[in-house]
Amino acid sequence: QRYVAERDIIFYVYKYLLKKKTKKDAEYLVKQCRANICKDYDLELIRVTNSIRDSYKISNEIRSRSIIYVKN
């Protein structure tokens, strides 16, 4: 299993969400993701990170499934 630092995931997600949503919405969603409150938000992390891997030069070793396993 490939582990990714939480701060890296949050960074990628936040940068992506700023393109899609208002800053307030992006900050709220990132906080929900960080808190691991809802599985829907975990899926959002997986989907978003997978779709923007190339844009932010995320390692190909970090697949969408990897985002489930987050180290603080």
Protein backbone atom coordinates (compact mmCIF):
# COMPACT_ATOMS: atom_id res chain seq x y z
CA GLN A 1 0.00 0.00 0.00
CA ARG A 2 1.21 3.46 -0.87
CA TYR A 3 0.97 6.07 1.86
CA VAL A 4 0.68 9.77 1.18
CA ALA A 5 1.10 12.64 3.62
CA GLU A 6 -2.23 14.19 4.55
CA ARG A 7 -0.95 17.70 3.85
CA ASP A 8 -0.11 16.70 0.27
CA ILE A 9 -3.60 15.36 -0.34
CA ILE A 10 -5.19 18.44 1.18
CA PHE A 11 -3.01 20.66 -1.02
CA TYR A 12 -3.96 18.88 -4.24
CA VAL A 13 -7.64 18.81 -3.35
CA TYR A 14 -7.69 22.45 -2.29
CA LYS A 15 -5.96 23.65 -5.46
CA TYR A 16 -8.40 21.67 -7.57
CA LEU A 17 -11.47 22.82 -5.67
CA LEU A 18 -10.50 26.46 -6.05
CA LYS A 19 -10.96 25.99 -9.79
CA LYS A 20 -14.37 24.38 -9.36
CA LYS A 21 -15.91 26.11 -6.35
CA THR A 22 -15.72 29.27 -4.29
CA LYS A 23 -12.88 29.54 -1.79
CA LYS A 24 -15.34 29.15 1.09
CA ASP A 25 -16.74 25.94 -0.40
CA ALA A 26 -13.25 24.60 -1.03
CA GLU A 27 -12.13 25.30 2.53
CA TYR A 28 -15.25 23.65 3.94
CA LEU A 29 -14.83 20.53 1.84
CA VAL A 30 -11.14 20.23 2.71
CA LYS A 31 -11.97 20.51 6.42
CA GLN A 32 -14.57 17.76 6.06
CA CYS A 33 -12.06 15.57 4.24
CA ARG A 34 -9.43 16.16 6.90
CA ALA A 35 -11.86 15.33 9.67
CA ASN A 36 -12.86 12.11 7.90
CA ILE A 37 -16.44 12.80 8.88
CA CYS A 38 -18.17 11.23 5.90
CA LYS A 39 -17.27 8.46 3.45
CA ASP A 40 -18.66 10.60 0.64
CA TYR A 41 -15.85 13.05 1.27
CA ASP A 42 -13.30 10.24 1.13
CA LEU A 43 -14.66 9.40 -2.30
CA GLU A 44 -14.35 13.05 -3.27
CA LEU A 45 -10.70 12.95 -2.25
CA ILE A 46 -10.16 9.84 -4.32
CA ARG A 47 -11.93 11.19 -7.38
CA VAL A 48 -10.36 14.63 -7.30
CA THR A 49 -6.83 13.43 -6.71
CA ASN A 50 -7.07 10.87 -9.47
CA SER A 51 -8.37 13.41 -11.97
CA ILE A 52 -5.70 16.03 -11.33
CA ARG A 53 -2.64 13.79 -10.93
CA ASP A 54 -1.07 14.98 -14.17
CA SER A 55 -1.76 18.67 -13.56
CA TYR A 56 0.12 18.67 -10.27
CA LYS A 57 2.73 16.07 -11.22
CA ILE A 58 1.55 13.60 -8.62
CA SER A 59 3.55 10.39 -8.72
CA ASN A 60 1.98 7.63 -10.79
CA GLU A 61 2.55 5.32 -7.83
CA ILE A 62 -0.12 7.26 -5.99
CA ARG A 63 -3.27 5.77 -7.43
CA SER A 64 -6.77 6.83 -6.52
CA ARG A 65 -7.10 3.82 -4.22
CA SER A 66 -4.05 4.94 -2.26
CA ILE A 67 -5.85 7.98 -0.92
CA ILE A 68 -7.86 5.73 1.38
CA TYR A 69 -4.70 5.15 3.40
CA VAL A 70 -3.73 8.52 4.81
CA LYS A 71 -0.99 9.11 7.34
CA ASN A 72 -1.10 12.23 9.47
